[in-house]
C-alpha atoms as a PDB file:
ATOM      1  CA  UNK A   1       0.000   0.000   0.000  1.00  0.00           C
ATOM      2  CA  UNK A   2       1.115   3.547  -0.684  1.00  0.00           C
ATOM      3  CA  UNK A   3       2.118   5.592   2.335  1.00  0.00           C
ATOM      4  CA  UNK A   4      -0.032   8.666   2.910  1.00  0.00           C
ATOM      5  CA  UNK A   5       3.051  10.899   3.087  1.00  0.00           C
ATOM      6  CA  UNK A   6       3.879  10.012  -0.544  1.00  0.00           C
ATOM      7  CA  UNK A   7       0.395  10.702  -1.891  1.00  0.00           C
ATOM      8  CA  UNK A   8       0.574  14.543  -1.904  1.00  0.00           C
ATOM      9  CA  UNK A   9       3.782  14.419  -3.978  1.00  0.00           C
ATOM     10  CA  UNK A  10       1.729  12.981  -6.889  1.00  0.00           C
ATOM     11  CA  UNK A  11      -0.280  16.172  -7.161  1.00  0.00           C
ATOM     12  CA  UNK A  12       0.752  19.602  -8.448  1.00  0.00           C
ATOM     13  CA  UNK A  13      -0.361  22.919  -6.979  1.00  0.00           C
ATOM     14  CA  UNK A  14      -1.308  24.239 -10.410  1.00  0.00           C
ATOM     15  CA  UNK A  15      -4.820  24.798 -11.709  1.00  0.00           C
ATOM     16  CA  UNK A  16      -3.868  23.339 -15.128  1.00  0.00           C
ATOM     17  CA  UNK A  17      -2.111  20.186 -13.880  1.00  0.00           C
ATOM     18  CA  UNK A  18      -3.410  16.732 -14.774  1.00  0.00           C
ATOM     19  CA  UNK A  19      -3.889  16.047 -11.081  1.00  0.00           C
ATOM     20  CA  UNK A  20      -4.524  18.614  -8.403  1.00  0.00           C
ATOM     21  CA  UNK A  21      -4.987  18.401  -4.674  1.00  0.00           C
ATOM     22  CA  UNK A  22      -7.422  20.926  -3.258  1.00  0.00           C
ATOM     23  CA  UNK A  23      -8.610  21.611   0.238  1.00  0.00           C
ATOM     24  CA  UNK A  24     -11.541  23.879   0.803  1.00  0.00           C
ATOM     25  CA  UNK A  25     -11.299  25.369   4.282  1.00  0.00           C
ATOM     26  CA  UNK A  26     -14.267  25.891   6.560  1.00  0.00           C
ATOM     27  CA  UNK A  27     -15.602  29.373   5.957  1.00  0.00           C
ATOM     28  CA  UNK A  28     -16.417  31.358   9.051  1.00  0.00           C
ATOM     29  CA  UNK A  29     -18.096  34.102   7.001  1.00  0.00           C
ATOM     30  CA  UNK A  30     -20.500  33.404   4.162  1.00  0.00           C
ATOM     31  CA  UNK A  31     -20.388  35.619   1.077  1.00  0.00           C
ATOM     32  CA  UNK A  32     -23.231  38.089   1.151  1.00  0.00           C
ATOM     33  CA  UNK A  33     -23.263  38.848  -2.568  1.00  0.00           C
ATOM     34  CA  UNK A  34     -22.916  35.522  -4.429  1.00  0.00           C
ATOM     35  CA  UNK A  35     -26.295  34.202  -5.545  1.00  0.00           C
ATOM     36  CA  UNK A  36     -27.391  31.403  -7.857  1.00  0.00           C
ATOM     37  CA  UNK A  37     -28.405  32.448 -11.368  1.00  0.00           C
ATOM     38  CA  UNK A  38     -30.926  29.598 -11.371  1.00  0.00           C
ATOM     39  CA  UNK A  39     -32.830  30.060  -8.121  1.00  0.00           C
ATOM     40  CA  UNK A  40     -31.330  32.978  -6.195  1.00  0.00           C
ATOM     41  CA  UNK A  41     -29.850  30.817  -3.395  1.00  0.00           C
ATOM     42  CA  UNK A  42     -26.960  32.396  -1.456  1.00  0.00           C
ATOM     43  CA  UNK A  43     -23.822  30.390  -2.346  1.00  0.00           C
ATOM     44  CA  UNK A  44     -20.462  29.625  -0.746  1.00  0.00           C
ATOM     45  CA  UNK A  45     -18.867  28.752  -4.111  1.00  0.00           C
ATOM     46  CA  UNK A  46     -20.093  29.733  -7.575  1.00  0.00           C
ATOM     47  CA  UNK A  47     -22.053  27.303  -9.716  1.00  0.00           C
ATOM     48  CA  UNK A  48     -19.736  25.736 -12.277  1.00  0.00           C
ATOM     49  CA  UNK A  49     -18.848  22.755 -14.447  1.00  0.00           C
ATOM     50  CA  UNK A  50     -15.376  21.290 -13.980  1.00  0.00           C
ATOM     51  CA  UNK A  51     -13.075  21.009 -16.988  1.00  0.00           C
ATOM     52  CA  UNK A  52     -11.625  17.496 -16.523  1.00  0.00           C
ATOM     53  CA  UNK A  53     -12.289  14.797 -13.920  1.00  0.00           C
ATOM     54  CA  UNK A  54     -12.725  15.651 -10.250  1.00  0.00           C
ATOM     55  CA  UNK A  55     -12.459  13.039  -7.523  1.00  0.00           C
ATOM     56  CA  UNK A  56     -13.514  14.409  -4.167  1.00  0.00           C
ATOM     57  CA  UNK A  57     -14.526  13.449  -0.694  1.00  0.00           C
ATOM     58  CA  UNK A  58     -16.842  15.566   1.399  1.00  0.00           C
ATOM     59  CA  UNK A  59     -15.563  13.885   4.584  1.00  0.00           C
ATOM     60  CA  UNK A  60     -19.117  13.660   5.934  1.00  0.00           C
ATOM     61  CA  UNK A  61     -19.852  17.350   5.239  1.00  0.00           C
ATOM     62  CA  UNK A  62     -22.972  18.363   3.355  1.00  0.00           C
ATOM     63  CA  UNK A  63     -23.517  21.359   1.110  1.00  0.00           C
ATOM     64  CA  UNK A  64     -22.471  20.080  -2.320  1.00  0.00           C
ATOM     65  CA  UNK A  65     -25.386  20.264  -4.748  1.00  0.00           C
ATOM     66  CA  UNK A  66     -25.684  18.975  -8.326  1.00  0.00           C
ATOM     67  CA  UNK A  67     -28.009  20.278 -11.032  1.00  0.00           C
ATOM     68  CA  UNK A  68     -30.414  17.561 -12.196  1.00  0.00           C
ATOM     69  CA  UNK A  69     -33.443  18.210 -14.421  1.00  0.00           C
ATOM     70  CA  UNK A  70     -33.106  21.965 -13.870  1.00  0.00           C
ATOM     71  CA  UNK A  71     -33.177  21.625 -10.060  1.00  0.00           C
ATOM     72  CA  UNK A  72     -30.295  21.458  -7.577  1.00  0.00           C
ATOM     73  CA  UNK A  73     -30.228  18.244  -5.532  1.00  0.00           C
ATOM     74  CA  UNK A  74     -28.003  17.527  -2.514  1.00  0.00           C
ATOM     75  CA  UNK A  75     -25.038  15.269  -3.278  1.00  0.00           C
ATOM     76  CA  UNK A  76     -24.624  12.445  -0.787  1.00  0.00           C
ATOM     77  CA  UNK A  77     -22.065  13.224   1.894  1.00  0.00           C
ATOM     78  CA  UNK A  78     -19.154  10.821   1.523  1.00  0.00           C
ATOM     79  CA  UNK A  79     -17.468   9.124   4.428  1.00  0.00           C
ATOM     80  CA  UNK A  80     -13.773   8.862   5.180  1.00  0.00           C
ATOM     81  CA  UNK A  81     -13.151   6.178   2.519  1.00  0.00           C
ATOM     82  CA  UNK A  82     -15.505   7.063  -0.328  1.00  0.00           C
ATOM     83  CA  UNK A  83     -15.433   9.544  -3.181  1.00  0.00           C
ATOM     84  CA  UNK A  84     -17.583  11.357  -5.711  1.00  0.00           C
ATOM     85  CA  UNK A  85     -16.263  11.293  -9.284  1.00  0.00           C
ATOM     86  CA  UNK A  86     -17.366  14.234 -11.410  1.00  0.00           C
ATOM     87  CA  UNK A  87     -16.866  14.172 -15.189  1.00  0.00           C
ATOM     88  CA  UNK A  88     -15.883  17.580 -16.544  1.00  0.00           C
ATOM     89  CA  UNK A  89     -16.737  19.325 -19.822  1.00  0.00           C
ATOM     90  CA  UNK A  90     -13.553  18.292 -21.639  1.00  0.00           C
ATOM     91  CA  UNK A  91     -14.177  14.605 -20.944  1.00  0.00           C
ATOM     92  CA  UNK A  92     -17.873  15.037 -21.786  1.00  0.00           C
ATOM     93  CA  UNK A  93     -16.890  16.440 -25.196  1.00  0.00           C
ATOM     94  CA  UNK A  94     -14.275  13.729 -25.830  1.00  0.00           C
ATOM     95  CA  UNK A  95     -16.767  10.914 -25.287  1.00  0.00           C
ATOM     96  CA  UNK A  96     -19.601  12.548 -27.254  1.00  0.00           C
ATOM     97  CA  UNK A  97     -21.782  13.317 -24.214  1.00  0.00           C
ATOM     98  CA  UNK A  98     -22.181   9.645 -23.260  1.00  0.00           C
ATOM     99  CA  UNK A  99     -21.446  10.610 -19.633  1.00  0.00           C
ATOM    100  CA  UNK A 100     -22.535  14.203 -19.038  1.00  0.00           C
ATOM    101  CA  UNK A 101     -20.645  16.825 -17.077  1.00  0.00           C
ATOM    102  CA  UNK A 102     -22.603  18.120 -14.087  1.00  0.00           C
ATOM    103  CA  UNK A 103     -23.081  21.732 -12.987  1.00  0.00           C
ATOM    104  CA  UNK A 104     -22.632  21.931  -9.224  1.00  0.00           C
ATOM    105  CA  UNK A 105     -22.365  24.386  -6.346  1.00  0.00           C
ATOM    106  CA  UNK A 106     -21.784  24.642  -2.592  1.00  0.00           C
END
């Protein structure tokens, strides 16, 4: 098995890298001016579609929502050992929309 201390070295701190490691810190203050274009909900992060493939864990935290049939639905909170895989627009285009990219928000 791979040691945890080696795992971060596989990722680059560059927005255009093939693999990136991101950590979204807990926000103590919520933005007061960032609203959804779809339904006017106050957001923590803007609605967007990723460009490639995103593998993420929510570590039992809620708040991630995915657009489905023109309505935002809550994504299931993942545990310590599970992940959500999100297909981005570039991959969607490469495979002729067979697996769609998903607009999401927090």
